[in-house]
Amino acid sequence: MNDENSLDYYRRREATHRKRAAEARDPNIAKMHSELAERYASVVESQQAVERRRAPPVPRASLRDGDPTKTGK
């Protein structure tokens, strides 16, 4: 499972548990599903933070550099 598939999986699990929490008649069961949803959300947030740290920095062009799409030739 690649990272994007992992994130999709955890997002689906989070949504599923939030739905089950909302539908639960027993408050204890609703709480359990809410806690599971929060754990899945935490995993997604953590993985996204890791990916942001791994991503190469986006170059920023200054006004004095001119059009960043031009090669200067």
Protein backbone atom coordinates (compact mmCIF):
# COMPACT_ATOMS: atom_id res chain seq x y z
CA MET A 1 0.00 0.00 0.00
CA ASN A 2 1.55 3.33 -1.03
CA ASP A 3 1.26 6.50 1.04
CA GLU A 4 -1.67 7.96 -0.89
CA ASN A 5 -3.58 4.69 -0.65
CA SER A 6 -2.78 4.64 3.06
CA LEU A 7 -4.16 8.15 3.52
CA ASP A 8 -7.28 7.26 1.57
CA TYR A 9 -7.73 4.18 3.72
CA TYR A 10 -7.39 6.12 6.97
CA ARG A 11 -9.71 8.87 5.73
CA ARG A 12 -12.34 6.26 4.85
CA ARG A 13 -11.97 4.61 8.24
CA GLU A 14 -12.30 7.98 9.97
CA ALA A 15 -15.49 8.78 8.02
CA THR A 16 -16.92 5.33 8.72
CA HIS A 17 -16.38 5.65 12.46
CA ARG A 18 -17.77 9.19 12.57
CA LYS A 19 -20.90 7.91 10.81
CA ARG A 20 -21.19 4.97 13.18
CA ALA A 21 -20.75 7.27 16.18
CA ALA A 22 -23.55 9.50 14.93
CA GLU A 23 -25.83 6.50 14.36
CA ALA A 24 -25.06 4.66 17.60
CA ARG A 25 -27.88 4.41 20.11
CA ASP A 26 -25.63 3.46 22.99
CA PRO A 27 -23.50 6.40 24.23
CA ASN A 28 -20.62 4.07 25.06
CA ILE A 29 -20.57 2.70 21.52
CA ALA A 30 -20.80 6.24 20.10
CA LYS A 31 -17.84 7.26 22.25
CA MET A 32 -15.81 4.27 21.10
CA HIS A 33 -16.45 5.09 17.44
CA SER A 34 -15.64 8.77 18.02
CA GLU A 35 -12.34 7.83 19.65
CA LEU A 36 -11.46 5.53 16.77
CA ALA A 37 -12.31 8.29 14.28
CA GLU A 38 -10.02 10.68 16.15
CA ARG A 39 -7.18 8.16 16.03
CA TYR A 40 -7.59 7.73 12.29
CA ALA A 41 -7.67 11.52 11.85
CA SER A 42 -4.48 11.78 13.87
CA VAL A 43 -2.75 9.26 11.62
CA VAL A 44 -3.78 11.26 8.54
CA GLU A 45 -2.54 14.52 10.06
CA SER A 46 0.78 12.96 11.06
CA GLN A 47 1.34 11.42 7.64
CA GLN A 48 0.54 14.71 5.91
CA ALA A 49 3.06 16.49 8.14
CA VAL A 50 5.73 13.93 7.20
CA GLU A 51 4.96 14.39 3.51
CA ARG A 52 5.22 18.19 3.81
CA ARG A 53 8.66 17.83 5.40
CA ARG A 54 9.77 15.45 2.63
CA ALA A 55 8.50 17.60 -0.23
CA PRO A 56 11.15 19.64 -2.03
CA PRO A 57 10.86 23.36 -1.41
CA VAL A 58 8.97 25.32 -4.02
CA PRO A 59 11.22 27.97 -5.56
CA ARG A 60 9.97 31.49 -5.05
CA ALA A 61 10.61 34.04 -7.76
CA SER A 62 11.14 37.63 -6.79
CA LEU A 63 9.96 40.57 -8.86
CA ARG A 64 13.53 41.39 -9.87
CA ASP A 65 13.93 37.89 -11.34
CA GLY A 66 11.27 38.63 -13.95
CA ASP A 67 9.01 35.97 -15.37
CA PRO A 68 9.88 32.64 -13.70
CA THR A 69 8.61 30.75 -16.77
CA LYS A 70 11.27 32.32 -18.99
CA THR A 71 14.76 30.84 -19.10
CA GLY A 72 16.45 34.18 -19.68
CA LYS A 73 17.70 33.27 -23.16
